[in-house]
Protein backbone atom coordinates (compact mmCIF):
# COMPACT_ATOMS: atom_id res chain seq x y z
CA MET A 1 -31.28 57.69 4.46
CA LYS A 2 -30.96 54.60 6.30
CA VAL A 3 -28.11 52.21 4.60
CA ARG A 4 -26.04 49.56 5.65
CA ILE A 5 -22.17 49.47 5.39
CA ASN A 6 -20.21 46.23 5.74
CA ASN A 7 -22.98 45.10 7.76
CA LYS A 8 -23.42 48.03 9.90
CA GLN A 9 -26.77 50.11 9.75
CA HIS A 10 -25.85 54.14 9.11
CA GLU A 11 -27.49 56.64 8.49
CA THR A 12 -26.27 59.19 5.88
CA GLN A 13 -27.30 62.45 3.84
CA ALA A 14 -25.20 61.22 1.13
CA LYS A 15 -27.26 61.09 -2.29
CA THR A 16 -24.30 59.78 -4.77
CA VAL A 17 -21.46 57.61 -3.65
CA SER A 18 -19.25 59.93 -4.32
CA GLU A 19 -20.67 62.31 -1.81
CA LEU A 20 -20.56 58.78 0.53
CA ALA A 21 -16.92 58.38 -0.08
CA ALA A 22 -16.42 62.05 1.03
CA GLN A 23 -18.84 61.64 4.46
CA LEU A 24 -16.61 58.49 5.36
CA GLN A 25 -13.32 60.42 4.35
CA LEU A 26 -11.96 57.38 1.87
CA PRO A 27 -9.25 57.52 0.17
CA ALA A 28 -8.21 58.59 -3.03
CA LYS A 29 -7.00 55.24 -4.22
CA GLY A 30 -6.95 51.86 -3.14
CA VAL A 31 -11.05 51.75 -2.31
CA ALA A 32 -13.52 49.63 -4.12
CA ILE A 33 -17.46 50.18 -3.54
CA ALA A 34 -20.18 47.89 -4.32
CA ILE A 35 -23.97 48.48 -4.02
CA ASP A 36 -25.85 45.14 -3.42
CA ASN A 37 -23.20 42.89 -4.35
CA GLU A 38 -22.46 45.31 -7.44
CA LEU A 39 -19.05 47.02 -7.87
CA LYS A 40 -19.31 50.07 -8.90
CA PRO A 41 -16.32 51.87 -10.61
CA ARG A 42 -14.59 54.41 -9.32
CA THR A 43 -15.87 56.58 -12.54
CA THR A 44 -19.53 56.29 -11.67
CA TRP A 45 -19.72 57.42 -7.99
CA ASP A 46 -21.07 60.59 -9.06
CA ASP A 47 -24.09 59.64 -11.22
CA THR A 48 -24.54 56.15 -8.71
CA ILE A 49 -27.39 57.38 -6.87
CA LEU A 50 -28.47 56.11 -3.09
CA GLN A 51 -31.74 53.87 -2.30
CA GLU A 52 -33.06 53.34 1.73
CA GLY A 53 -31.75 50.22 2.68
CA ALA A 54 -28.77 49.94 0.12
CA THR A 55 -26.61 47.41 1.22
CA ILE A 56 -22.53 48.43 0.61
CA THR A 57 -19.40 46.73 0.78
CA ILE A 58 -16.34 49.27 0.82
CA ILE A 59 -13.16 46.95 0.50
CA LYS A 60 -9.98 48.99 1.20
CA ALA A 61 -6.74 47.43 -0.75
CA ALA A 62 -3.83 46.64 2.32
CA CYS A 63 -0.09 46.00 1.67
CA GLY A 64 1.65 42.85 2.96
CA GLY A 65 1.54 39.44 2.34
């Protein structure tokens, strides 16, 4: 399916947010994911089904000032 991740078109076979996170090799901590501007808590990633054409925003925490 085609989804948009951080304003770039991506093709994925992932069905859930957790599968997408694994596919993208995201770190276990310090990552936030929003789908269509709705933040998805990590506890819901296994149950959140991805839809064709979804707009996904991935934010990684950074240290510094």
